[in-house]
Each structure stands twice: as C-alpha cells, then as structure tokens.
Amino acid sequence: MLLFSSSSLLGTWTERGNPCVGENSSITFGGQATHVLKVHGKRSQFIFMADQWRPNSLADSRYIWLPIRFSKEDGKPFLEYREDWNLHNF
C-alpha cells in the first residue's frame, strides 16, 4: 500500500511511502484496503478497514480493522497490526 498527499484534489500528489509498519506491512497485513472510517464524535480518529480473502475457503474470509495513528514527529498516519485494540486506547 502507498500513501499519497496533496493540498488540493486537483493539485500535485506527493508519495509518502507505505503507512503500514511491522510484520507483513509490505502486503498490507494480508488484506486489501477497502475503506477508512471516521470515528463519530472524534476529531482525528479513523479506522482502516480491509478485506482478507481466503480463496480456498471463502467462508473463512475475514476483515481487518485497525486504528490509524499519527506520528508525533511529522504527523504522518501509520498502521500497525494489532490482534486486539479498542477506541479508548489509540
């Protein structure tokens, strides 16, 4: 996955690299990005959502939901895989 940013939808887009960090980050943790959900009532909390297909066992396909966090150094969003998390601790 790659992250791009721009100050305008029509403007020049700048590649900012892969926002995923840690094990399996190069393959988006085994999922395909589908949506970013804004957390209702929170100014800067978002949830990354992805499909995790298992073609040999479609009934066992899963979803990945991860909190989007922001770097304190440069404000860049990043995703780190977590088995468990909740809205109160990210």
Protein backbone atom coordinates (compact mmCIF):
# COMPACT_ATOMS: atom_id res chain seq x y z
CA MET A 1 0.00 0.00 0.00
CA LEU A 2 1.17 3.54 -0.68
CA LEU A 3 0.14 6.82 0.89
CA PHE A 4 -0.13 10.00 -1.19
CA SER A 5 -0.94 13.53 -0.05
CA SER A 6 -1.87 16.82 -1.68
CA SER A 7 -3.16 20.19 -0.54
CA SER A 8 -5.78 20.01 -3.32
CA LEU A 9 -7.71 17.22 -5.02
CA LEU A 10 -6.57 18.70 -8.33
CA GLY A 11 -3.06 19.54 -7.19
CA THR A 12 0.23 17.71 -7.33
CA TRP A 13 0.27 14.48 -5.33
CA THR A 14 3.31 13.50 -3.27
CA GLU A 15 4.12 9.89 -2.44
CA ARG A 16 4.72 9.44 1.31
CA GLY A 17 5.55 5.74 1.34
CA ASN A 18 3.86 2.75 2.91
CA PRO A 19 1.86 3.74 6.02
CA CYS A 20 1.92 0.12 7.26
CA VAL A 21 4.68 -0.79 9.73
CA GLY A 22 5.82 -4.08 11.23
CA GLU A 23 5.45 -7.70 10.18
CA ASN A 24 3.57 -8.23 6.87
CA SER A 25 3.41 -4.47 6.29
CA SER A 26 4.57 -4.89 2.68
CA ILE A 27 1.40 -6.88 1.94
CA THR A 28 -0.99 -4.70 3.98
CA PHE A 29 -1.14 -7.40 6.66
CA GLY A 30 -2.65 -9.84 4.14
CA GLY A 31 -5.63 -7.64 3.33
CA GLN A 32 -6.93 -5.39 0.59
CA ALA A 33 -7.77 -1.85 1.68
CA THR A 34 -11.48 -1.05 1.31
CA HIS A 35 -12.38 1.95 3.46
CA VAL A 36 -11.32 4.48 6.08
CA LEU A 37 -13.99 5.08 8.71
CA LYS A 38 -14.05 8.32 10.72
CA VAL A 39 -14.88 7.72 14.38
CA HIS A 40 -18.06 9.65 15.13
CA GLY A 41 -17.53 12.47 17.60
CA LYS A 42 -13.73 12.32 17.43
CA ARG A 43 -11.84 14.99 15.52
CA SER A 44 -8.85 12.90 14.42
CA GLN A 45 -9.64 9.23 14.98
CA PHE A 46 -10.00 6.94 11.99
CA ILE A 47 -10.25 3.19 11.43
CA PHE A 48 -8.60 1.44 8.48
CA MET A 49 -10.73 -1.36 7.02
CA ALA A 50 -9.60 -4.16 4.70
CA ASP A 51 -10.87 -7.45 3.26
CA GLN A 52 -8.80 -10.55 3.92
CA TRP A 53 -9.81 -13.08 1.27
CA ARG A 54 -9.16 -16.77 1.62
CA PRO A 55 -9.91 -18.08 -1.90
CA ASN A 56 -9.61 -21.74 -0.89
CA SER A 57 -12.11 -21.24 1.93
CA LEU A 58 -14.31 -18.21 1.19
CA ALA A 59 -16.50 -18.87 4.23
CA ASP A 60 -13.39 -18.29 6.35
CA SER A 61 -12.58 -14.86 4.82
CA ARG A 62 -12.08 -12.08 7.34
CA TYR A 63 -11.90 -8.33 7.78
CA ILE A 64 -9.06 -6.28 9.22
CA TRP A 65 -9.94 -3.18 11.22
CA LEU A 66 -7.03 -1.20 12.61
CA PRO A 67 -6.71 2.21 14.25
CA ILE A 68 -4.94 4.82 12.15
CA ARG A 69 -2.38 6.54 14.34
CA PHE A 70 -0.33 9.65 13.60
CA SER A 71 3.42 10.12 14.06
CA LYS A 72 4.35 12.70 16.69
CA GLU A 73 7.40 13.70 14.61
CA ASP A 74 5.80 14.55 11.27
CA GLY A 75 2.05 13.88 11.64
CA LYS A 76 2.18 11.09 9.05
CA PRO A 77 -0.54 8.47 9.51
CA PHE A 78 0.56 4.88 10.10
CA LEU A 79 -0.94 1.44 10.63
CA GLU A 80 0.46 -1.19 12.93
CA TYR A 81 -1.15 -4.62 13.09
CA ARG A 82 -2.80 -5.45 16.43
CA GLU A 83 -4.82 -8.51 17.31
CA ASP A 84 -6.78 -6.58 19.94
CA TRP A 85 -7.49 -2.88 20.40
CA ASN A 86 -10.34 -0.59 21.38
CA LEU A 87 -11.36 3.00 20.71
CA HIS A 88 -10.25 4.17 24.15
CA ASN A 89 -6.56 3.27 23.84
CA PHE A 90 -5.42 4.55 20.47
